[in-house]
Amino acid sequence: MKLDTATESLISLALEEDVGAGDLTALYFVPEAARSSARVVAREPGVAAGLAVAARVYEKLDPRVSVRALLADGDAFEKRGALMGIA
């Protein structure tokens, strides 16, 4: 997913500051071929916002990742409701 230039730049700067050269623990202890999947689940009821930005962060971390937003911005969700799927 492609976002506007300012948002893309902000995501890149944030990842550079936070991740830098990578997660050393993962680099040394997790085999490169290892794969996983996850769901982002709400702790409390709310209204979805920013899922496209969250998806882009995952995509920039690893282009092989598949992210699926399960809600659109503005959709209401309940406690323990699934917001995103990541594989």
PDB file of N, CA and C in Angstrom:
ATOM      1  N   MET A   1       0.848  -1.178   0.000  1.00  0.00           N
ATOM      2  CA  MET A   1       0.000   0.000   0.000  1.00  0.00           C
ATOM      3  C   MET A   1       0.892   1.239   0.000  1.00  0.00           C
ATOM      4  N   LYS A   2       0.551   2.195  -0.813  1.00  0.00           N
ATOM      5  CA  LYS A   2       1.322   3.431  -0.929  1.00  0.00           C
ATOM      6  C   LYS A   2       0.553   4.563  -0.265  1.00  0.00           C
ATOM      7  N   LEU A   3       1.245   5.304   0.595  1.00  0.00           N
ATOM      8  CA  LEU A   3       0.657   6.453   1.273  1.00  0.00           C
ATOM      9  C   LEU A   3       1.291   7.723   0.719  1.00  0.00           C
ATOM     10  N   ASP A   4       0.852   8.881   1.192  1.00  0.00           N
ATOM     11  CA  ASP A   4       1.439  10.131   0.724  1.00  0.00           C
ATOM     12  C   ASP A   4       2.912  10.217   1.144  1.00  0.00           C
ATOM     13  N   THR A   5       3.668  11.053   0.455  1.00  0.00           N
ATOM     14  CA  THR A   5       5.117  11.156   0.639  1.00  0.00           C
ATOM     15  C   THR A   5       5.494  11.512   2.073  1.00  0.00           C
ATOM     16  N   ALA A   6       4.778  12.436   2.694  1.00  0.00           N
ATOM     17  CA  ALA A   6       5.099  12.848   4.063  1.00  0.00           C
ATOM     18  C   ALA A   6       4.929  11.688   5.042  1.00  0.00           C
ATOM     19  N   THR A   7       3.860  10.924   4.890  1.00  0.00           N
ATOM     20  CA  THR A   7       3.629   9.781   5.777  1.00  0.00           C
ATOM     21  C   THR A   7       4.677   8.706   5.549  1.00  0.00           C
ATOM     22  N   GLU A   8       5.007   8.431   4.289  1.00  0.00           N
ATOM     23  CA  GLU A   8       6.055   7.452   3.974  1.00  0.00           C
ATOM     24  C   GLU A   8       7.381   7.861   4.617  1.00  0.00           C
ATOM     25  N   SER A   9       7.730   9.144   4.523  1.00  0.00           N
ATOM     26  CA  SER A   9       8.982   9.642   5.107  1.00  0.00           C
ATOM     27  C   SER A   9       8.976   9.505   6.620  1.00  0.00           C
ATOM     28  N   LEU A  10       7.864   9.832   7.245  1.00  0.00           N
ATOM     29  CA  LEU A  10       7.759   9.727   8.698  1.00  0.00           C
ATOM     30  C   LEU A  10       7.905   8.279   9.160  1.00  0.00           C
ATOM     31  N   ILE A  11       7.285   7.359   8.453  1.00  0.00           N
ATOM     32  CA  ILE A  11       7.418   5.935   8.788  1.00  0.00           C
ATOM     33  C   ILE A  11       8.875   5.509   8.661  1.00  0.00           C
ATOM     34  N   SER A  12       9.539   5.904   7.585  1.00  0.00           N
ATOM     35  CA  SER A  12      10.946   5.538   7.382  1.00  0.00           C
ATOM     36  C   SER A  12      11.832   6.092   8.488  1.00  0.00           C
ATOM     37  N   LEU A  13      11.628   7.352   8.860  1.00  0.00           N
ATOM     38  CA  LEU A  13      12.422   7.957   9.935  1.00  0.00           C
ATOM     39  C   LEU A  13      12.186   7.251  11.267  1.00  0.00           C
ATOM     40  N   ALA A  14      10.934   6.945  11.567  1.00  0.00           N
ATOM     41  CA  ALA A  14      10.617   6.269  12.826  1.00  0.00           C
ATOM     42  C   ALA A  14      11.243   4.883  12.876  1.00  0.00           C
ATOM     43  N   LEU A  15      11.171   4.141  11.772  1.00  0.00           N
ATOM     44  CA  LEU A  15      11.768   2.802  11.747  1.00  0.00           C
ATOM     45  C   LEU A  15      13.287   2.870  11.844  1.00  0.00           C
ATOM     46  N   GLU A  16      13.888   3.849  11.176  1.00  0.00           N
ATOM     47  CA  GLU A  16      15.339   4.003  11.245  1.00  0.00           C
ATOM     48  C   GLU A  16      15.785   4.262  12.679  1.00  0.00           C
ATOM     49  N   GLU A  17      15.044   5.115  13.391  1.00  0.00           N
ATOM     50  CA  GLU A  17      15.384   5.428  14.776  1.00  0.00           C
ATOM     51  C   GLU A  17      15.144   4.232  15.693  1.00  0.00           C
ATOM     52  N   ASP A  18      14.032   3.557  15.508  1.00  0.00           N
ATOM     53  CA  ASP A  18      13.644   2.488  16.422  1.00  0.00           C
ATOM     54  C   ASP A  18      14.333   1.165  16.128  1.00  0.00           C
ATOM     55  N   VAL A  19      14.446   0.802  14.860  1.00  0.00           N
ATOM     56  CA  VAL A  19      14.964  -0.509  14.482  1.00  0.00           C
ATOM     57  C   VAL A  19      16.437  -0.446  14.097  1.00  0.00           C
ATOM     58  N   GLY A  20      16.849   0.619  13.437  1.00  0.00           N
ATOM     59  CA  GLY A  20      18.242   0.754  13.016  1.00  0.00           C
ATOM     60  C   GLY A  20      18.673  -0.405  12.138  1.00  0.00           C
ATOM     61  N   ALA A  21      19.715  -1.109  12.578  1.00  0.00           N
ATOM     62  CA  ALA A  21      20.273  -2.225  11.800  1.00  0.00           C
ATOM     63  C   ALA A  21      19.491  -3.518  11.989  1.00  0.00           C
ATOM     64  N   GLY A  22      18.478  -3.511  12.831  1.00  0.00           N
ATOM     65  CA  GLY A  22      17.673  -4.713  13.027  1.00  0.00           C
ATOM     66  C   GLY A  22      17.587  -5.113  14.486  1.00  0.00           C
ATOM     67  N   ASP A  23      16.811  -6.118  14.736  1.00  0.00           N
ATOM     68  CA  ASP A  23      16.623  -6.675  16.070  1.00  0.00           C
ATOM     69  C   ASP A  23      17.700  -7.730  16.281  1.00  0.00           C
ATOM     70  N   LEU A  24      18.700  -7.407  17.105  1.00  0.00           N
ATOM     71  CA  LEU A  24      19.835  -8.314  17.284  1.00  0.00           C
ATOM     72  C   LEU A  24      19.413  -9.675  17.816  1.00  0.00           C
ATOM     73  N   THR A  25      18.461  -9.713  18.724  1.00  0.00           N
ATOM     74  CA  THR A  25      17.998 -10.997  19.252  1.00  0.00           C
ATOM     75  C   THR A  25      17.417 -11.849  18.128  1.00  0.00           C
ATOM     76  N   ALA A  26      16.563 -11.251  17.317  1.00  0.00           N
ATOM     77  CA  ALA A  26      15.960 -11.996  16.206  1.00  0.00           C
ATOM     78  C   ALA A  26      17.021 -12.419  15.193  1.00  0.00           C
ATOM     79  N   LEU A  27      17.980 -11.540  14.919  1.00  0.00           N
ATOM     80  CA  LEU A  27      19.027 -11.867  13.945  1.00  0.00           C
ATOM     81  C   LEU A  27      19.841 -13.082  14.373  1.00  0.00           C
ATOM     82  N   TYR A  28      20.086 -13.225  15.680  1.00  0.00           N
ATOM     83  CA  TYR A  28      20.930 -14.319  16.162  1.00  0.00           C
ATOM     84  C   TYR A  28      20.169 -15.591  16.524  1.00  0.00           C
ATOM     85  N   PHE A  29      18.924 -15.462  16.954  1.00  0.00           N
ATOM     86  CA  PHE A  29      18.236 -16.629  17.502  1.00  0.00           C
ATOM     87  C   PHE A  29      17.039 -17.136  16.698  1.00  0.00           C
ATOM     88  N   VAL A  30      16.563 -16.370  15.735  1.00  0.00           N
ATOM     89  CA  VAL A  30      15.414 -16.799  14.939  1.00  0.00           C
ATOM     90  C   VAL A  30      15.916 -17.161  13.541  1.00  0.00           C
ATOM     91  N   PRO A  31      15.703 -18.397  13.111  1.00  0.00           N
ATOM     92  CA  PRO A  31      16.162 -18.795  11.773  1.00  0.00           C
ATOM     93  C   PRO A  31      15.536 -17.910  10.693  1.00  0.00           C
ATOM     94  N   GLU A  32      16.315 -17.585   9.678  1.00  0.00           N
ATOM     95  CA  GLU A  32      15.832 -16.706   8.611  1.00  0.00           C
ATOM     96  C   GLU A  32      14.595 -17.264   7.918  1.00  0.00           C
ATOM     97  N   ALA A  33      14.491 -18.575   7.834  1.00  0.00           N
ATOM     98  CA  ALA A  33      13.354 -19.193   7.153  1.00  0.00           C
ATOM     99  C   ALA A  33      12.097 -19.251   8.032  1.00  0.00           C
ATOM    100  N   ALA A  34      12.203 -18.873   9.301  1.00  0.00           N
ATOM    101  CA  ALA A  34      11.054 -18.934  10.205  1.00  0.00           C
ATOM    102  C   ALA A  34       9.956 -17.980   9.736  1.00  0.00           C
ATOM    103  N   ARG A  35       8.722 -18.410   9.824  1.00  0.00           N
ATOM    104  CA  ARG A  35       7.563 -17.600   9.451  1.00  0.00           C
ATOM    105  C   ARG A  35       6.531 -17.695  10.565  1.00  0.00           C
ATOM    106  N   SER A  36       5.720 -16.663  10.673  1.00  0.00           N
ATOM    107  CA  SER A  36       4.712 -16.618  11.714  1.00  0.00           C
ATOM    108  C   SER A  36       3.501 -15.849  11.191  1.00  0.00           C
ATOM    109  N   SER A  37       2.453 -15.861  11.966  1.00  0.00           N
ATOM    110  CA  SER A  37       1.283 -15.052  11.635  1.00  0.00           C
ATOM    111  C   SER A  37       0.686 -14.531  12.938  1.00  0.00           C
ATOM    112  N   ALA A  38      -0.097 -13.464  12.818  1.00  0.00           N
ATOM    113  CA  ALA A  38      -0.678 -12.850  14.011  1.00  0.00           C
ATOM    114  C   ALA A  38      -1.958 -12.116  13.641  1.00  0.00           C
ATOM    115  N   ARG A  39      -2.741 -11.838  14.666  1.00  0.00           N
ATOM    116  CA  ARG A  39      -3.907 -10.967  14.529  1.00  0.00           C
ATOM    117  C   ARG A  39      -3.748  -9.846  15.532  1.00  0.00           C
ATOM    118  N   VAL A  40      -4.058  -8.633  15.119  1.00  0.00           N
ATOM    119  CA  VAL A  40      -4.101  -7.498  16.033  1.00  0.00           C
ATOM    120  C   VAL A  40      -5.517  -7.454  16.578  1.00  0.00           C
ATOM    121  N   VAL A  41      -5.630  -7.554  17.916  1.00  0.00           N
ATOM    122  CA  VAL A  41      -6.928  -7.659  18.580  1.00  0.00           C
ATOM    123  C   VAL A  41      -7.089  -6.491  19.551  1.00  0.00           C
ATOM    124  N   ALA A  42      -8.280  -5.906  19.580  1.00  0.00           N
ATOM    125  CA  ALA A  42      -8.560  -4.751  20.433  1.00  0.00           C
ATOM    126  C   ALA A  42      -8.658  -5.145  21.902  1.00  0.00           C
ATOM    127  N   ARG A  43      -8.063  -4.331  22.755  1.00  0.00           N
ATOM    128  CA  ARG A  43      -8.203  -4.537  24.204  1.00  0.00           C
ATOM    129  C   ARG A  43      -9.529  -3.984  24.718  1.00  0.00           C
ATOM    130  N   GLU A  44      -9.995  -2.948  24.059  1.00  0.00           N
ATOM    131  CA  GLU A  44     -11.225  -2.266  24.463  1.00  0.00           C
ATOM    132  C   GLU A  44     -12.035  -1.925  23.217  1.00  0.00           C
ATOM    133  N   PRO A  45     -13.322  -1.623  23.360  1.00  0.00           N
ATOM    134  CA  PRO A  45     -14.113  -1.183  22.212  1.00  0.00           C
ATOM    135  C   PRO A  45     -13.564   0.139  21.676  1.00  0.00           C
ATOM    136  N   GLY A  46     -13.792   0.404  20.401  1.00  0.00           N
ATOM    137  CA  GLY A  46     -13.310   1.658  19.831  1.00  0.00           C
ATOM    138  C   GLY A  46     -13.735   1.829  18.395  1.00  0.00           C
ATOM    139  N   VAL A  47     -13.054   2.756  17.726  1.00  0.00           N
ATOM    140  CA  VAL A  47     -13.303   3.060  16.320  1.00  0.00           C
ATOM    141  C   VAL A  47     -11.976   2.947  15.584  1.00  0.00           C
ATOM    142  N   ALA A  48     -11.961   2.216  14.486  1.00  0.00           N
ATOM    143  CA  ALA A  48     -10.731   1.977  13.722  1.00  0.00           C
ATOM    144  C   ALA A  48     -10.213   3.268  13.094  1.00  0.00           C
ATOM    145  N   ALA A  49      -8.897   3.437  13.152  1.00  0.00           N
ATOM    146  CA  ALA A  49      -8.230   4.571  12.505  1.00  0.00           C
ATOM    147  C   ALA A  49      -6.763   4.220  12.311  1.00  0.00           C
ATOM    148  N   GLY A  50      -6.226   4.537  11.152  1.00  0.00           N
ATOM    149  CA  GLY A  50      -4.800   4.372  10.916  1.00  0.00           C
ATOM    150  C   GLY A  50      -4.336   2.976  10.558  1.00  0.00           C
ATOM    151  N   LEU A  51      -5.241   2.082  10.217  1.00  0.00           N
ATOM    152  CA  LEU A  51      -4.820   0.718   9.892  1.00  0.00           C
ATOM    153  C   LEU A  51      -3.955   0.673   8.634  1.00  0.00           C
ATOM    154  N   ALA A  52      -4.179   1.580   7.693  1.00  0.00           N
ATOM    155  CA  ALA A  52      -3.344   1.622   6.482  1.00  0.00           C
ATOM    156  C   ALA A  52      -1.909   1.993   6.833  1.00  0.00           C
ATOM    157  N   VAL A  53      -1.730   2.894   7.778  1.00  0.00           N
ATOM    158  CA  VAL A  53      -0.380   3.277   8.212  1.00  0.00           C
ATOM    159  C   VAL A  53       0.279   2.104   8.927  1.00  0.00           C
ATOM    160  N   ALA A  54      -0.455   1.445   9.808  1.00  0.00           N
ATOM    161  CA  ALA A  54       0.098   0.278  10.510  1.00  0.00           C
ATOM    162  C   ALA A  54       0.504  -0.803   9.517  1.00  0.00           C
ATOM    163  N   ALA A  55      -0.323  -1.044   8.517  1.00  0.00           N
ATOM    164  CA  ALA A  55      -0.002  -2.046   7.502  1.00  0.00           C
ATOM    165  C   ALA A  55       1.272  -1.668   6.757  1.00  0.00           C
ATOM    166  N   ARG A  56       1.428  -0.397   6.440  1.00  0.00           N
ATOM    167  CA  ARG A  56       2.619   0.052   5.704  1.00  0.00           C
ATOM    168  C   ARG A  56       3.880  -0.125   6.538  1.00  0.00           C
ATOM    169  N   VAL A  57       3.789   0.071   7.848  1.00  0.00           N
ATOM    170  CA  VAL A  57       4.949  -0.148   8.721  1.00  0.00           C
ATOM    171  C   VAL A  57       5.409  -1.598   8.594  1.00  0.00           C
ATOM    172  N   TYR A  58       4.486  -2.539   8.689  1.00  0.00           N
ATOM    173  CA  TYR A  58       4.847  -3.958   8.546  1.00  0.00           C
ATOM    174  C   TYR A  58       5.448  -4.237   7.173  1.00  0.00           C
ATOM    175  N   GLU A  59       4.873  -3.653   6.127  1.00  0.00           N
ATOM    176  CA  GLU A  59       5.375  -3.871   4.766  1.00  0.00           C
ATOM    177  C   GLU A  59       6.785  -3.324   4.587  1.00  0.00           C
ATOM    178  N   LYS A  60       7.075  -2.184   5.233  1.00  0.00           N
ATOM    179  CA  LYS A  60       8.422  -1.612   5.129  1.00  0.00           C
ATOM    180  C   LYS A  60       9.430  -2.437   5.926  1.00  0.00           C
ATOM    181  N   LEU A  61       8.998  -3.031   7.023  1.00  0.00           N
ATOM    182  CA  LEU A  61       9.896  -3.886   7.802  1.00  0.00           C
ATOM    183  C   LEU A  61      10.288  -5.128   7.019  1.00  0.00           C
ATOM    184  N   ASP A  62       9.329  -5.682   6.273  1.00  0.00           N
ATOM    185  CA  ASP A  62       9.602  -6.882   5.482  1.00  0.00           C
ATOM    186  C   ASP A  62       8.625  -6.928   4.310  1.00  0.00           C
ATOM    187  N   PRO A  63       9.124  -6.701   3.098  1.00  0.00           N
ATOM    188  CA  PRO A  63       8.241  -6.688   1.927  1.00  0.00           C
ATOM    189  C   PRO A  63       7.507  -8.010   1.683  1.00  0.00           C
ATOM    190  N   ARG A  64       7.969  -9.095   2.301  1.00  0.00           N
ATOM    191  CA  ARG A  64       7.305 -10.388   2.119  1.00  0.00           C
ATOM    192  C   ARG A  64       6.057 -10.531   2.980  1.00  0.00           C
ATOM    193  N   VAL A  65       5.869  -9.632   3.922  1.00  0.00           N
ATOM    194  CA  VAL A  65       4.743  -9.740   4.843  1.00  0.00           C
ATOM    195  C   VAL A  65       3.433  -9.417   4.119  1.00  0.00           C
ATOM    196  N   SER A  66       2.393 -10.090   4.547  1.00  0.00           N
ATOM    197  CA  SER A  66       1.054  -9.851   4.020  1.00  0.00           C
ATOM    198  C   SER A  66       0.198  -9.310   5.159  1.00  0.00           C
ATOM    199  N   VAL A  67      -0.332  -8.117   4.979  1.00  0.00           N
ATOM    200  CA  VAL A  67      -1.144  -7.482   6.019  1.00  0.00           C
ATOM    201  C   VAL A  67      -2.536  -7.241   5.453  1.00  0.00           C
ATOM    202  N   ARG A  68      -3.534  -7.602   6.241  1.00  0.00           N
ATOM    203  CA  ARG A  68      -4.916  -7.398   5.804  1.00  0.00           C
ATOM    204  C   ARG A  68      -5.688  -6.674   6.901  1.00  0.00           C
ATOM    205  N   ALA A  69      -6.098  -5.443   6.605  1.00  0.00           N
ATOM    206  CA  ALA A  69      -6.958  -4.714   7.538  1.00  0.00           C
ATOM    207  C   ALA A  69      -8.335  -5.354   7.490  1.00  0.00           C
ATOM    208  N   LEU A  70      -8.882  -5.640   8.637  1.00  0.00           N
ATOM    209  CA  LEU A  70     -10.194  -6.281   8.709  1.00  0.00           C
ATOM    210  C   LEU A  70     -11.322  -5.267   8.863  1.00  0.00           C
ATOM    211  N   LEU A  71     -10.934  -4.006   9.084  1.00  0.00           N
ATOM    212  CA  LEU A  71     -11.900  -2.918   9.234  1.00  0.00           C
ATOM    213  C   LEU A  71     -11.435  -1.713   8.432  1.00  0.00           C
ATOM    214  N   ALA A  72     -12.351  -0.834   8.118  1.00  0.00           N
ATOM    215  CA  ALA A  72     -12.014   0.439   7.474  1.00  0.00           C
ATOM    216  C   ALA A  72     -11.996   1.531   8.538  1.00  0.00           C
ATOM    217  N   ASP A  73     -11.260   2.617   8.269  1.00  0.00           N
ATOM    218  CA  ASP A  73     -11.281   3.750   9.189  1.00  0.00           C
ATOM    219  C   ASP A  73     -12.726   4.168   9.432  1.00  0.00           C
ATOM    220  N   GLY A  74     -13.052   4.382  10.690  1.00  0.00           N
ATOM    221  CA  GLY A  74     -14.408   4.780  11.055  1.00  0.00           C
ATOM    222  C   GLY A  74     -15.296   3.638  11.501  1.00  0.00           C
ATOM    223  N   ASP A  75     -14.876   2.392  11.236  1.00  0.00           N
ATOM    224  CA  ASP A  75     -15.664   1.236  11.680  1.00  0.00           C
ATOM    225  C   ASP A  75     -15.525   1.050  13.188  1.00  0.00           C
ATOM    226  N   ALA A  76     -16.636   0.782  13.850  1.00  0.00           N
ATOM    227  CA  ALA A  76     -16.614   0.497  15.284  1.00  0.00           C
ATOM    228  C   ALA A  76     -16.223  -0.961  15.503  1.00  0.00           C
ATOM    229  N   PHE A  77     -15.575  -1.228  16.650  1.00  0.00           N
ATOM    230  CA  PHE A  77     -15.233  -2.605  17.003  1.00  0.00           C
ATOM    231  C   PHE A  77     -15.432  -2.808  18.498  1.00  0.00           C
ATOM    232  N   GLU A  78     -15.598  -4.061  18.868  1.00  0.00           N
ATOM    233  CA  GLU A  78     -15.817  -4.443  20.260  1.00  0.00           C
ATOM    234  C   GLU A  78     -14.514  -4.903  20.906  1.00  0.00           C
ATOM    235  N   LYS A  79     -14.528  -5.009  22.214  1.00  0.00           N
ATOM    236  CA  LYS A  79     -13.396  -5.572  22.948  1.00  0.00           C
ATOM    237  C   LYS A  79     -13.102  -6.964  22.392  1.00  0.00           C
ATOM    238  N   ARG A  80     -11.847  -7.247  22.168  1.00  0.00           N
ATOM    239  CA  ARG A  80     -11.343  -8.511  21.610  1.00  0.00           C
ATOM    240  C   ARG A  80     -11.687  -8.695  20.124  1.00  0.00           C
ATOM    241  N   GLY A  81     -12.143  -7.639  19.475  1.00  0.00           N
ATOM    242  CA  GLY A  81     -12.413  -7.714  18.040  1.00  0.00           C
ATOM    243  C   GLY A  81     -11.115  -7.688  17.244  1.00  0.00           C
ATOM    244  N   ALA A  82     -11.040  -8.469  16.180  1.00  0.00           N
ATOM    245  CA  ALA A  82      -9.841  -8.508  15.336  1.00  0.00           C
ATOM    246  C   ALA A  82      -9.810  -7.271  14.435  1.00  0.00           C
ATOM    247  N   LEU A  83      -8.636  -6.617  14.371  1.00  0.00           N
ATOM    248  CA  LEU A  83      -8.463  -5.418  13.562  1.00  0.00           C
ATOM    249  C   LEU A  83      -7.662  -5.675  12.292  1.00  0.00           C
ATOM    250  N   MET A  84      -6.614  -6.517  12.420  1.00  0.00           N
ATOM    251  CA  MET A  84      -5.725  -6.798  11.290  1.00  0.00           C
ATOM    252  C   MET A  84      -5.241  -8.230  11.359  1.00  0.00           C
ATOM    253  N   GLY A  85      -4.940  -8.785  10.190  1.00  0.00           N
ATOM    254  CA  GLY A  85      -4.273 -10.079  10.096  1.00  0.00           C
ATOM    255  C   GLY A  85      -2.903  -9.866   9.474  1.00  0.00           C
ATOM    256  N   ILE A  86      -1.880 -10.522  10.010  1.00  0.00           N
ATOM    257  CA  ILE A  86      -0.503 -10.368   9.533  1.00  0.00           C
ATOM    258  C   ILE A  86       0.082 -11.753   9.313  1.00  0.00           C
ATOM    259  N   ALA A  87       0.661 -11.971   8.148  1.00  0.00           N
ATOM    260  CA  ALA A  87       1.287 -13.267   7.851  1.00  0.00           C
ATOM    261  C   ALA A  87       2.556 -13.052   7.057  1.00  0.00           C
TER     262      ALA A  87
END
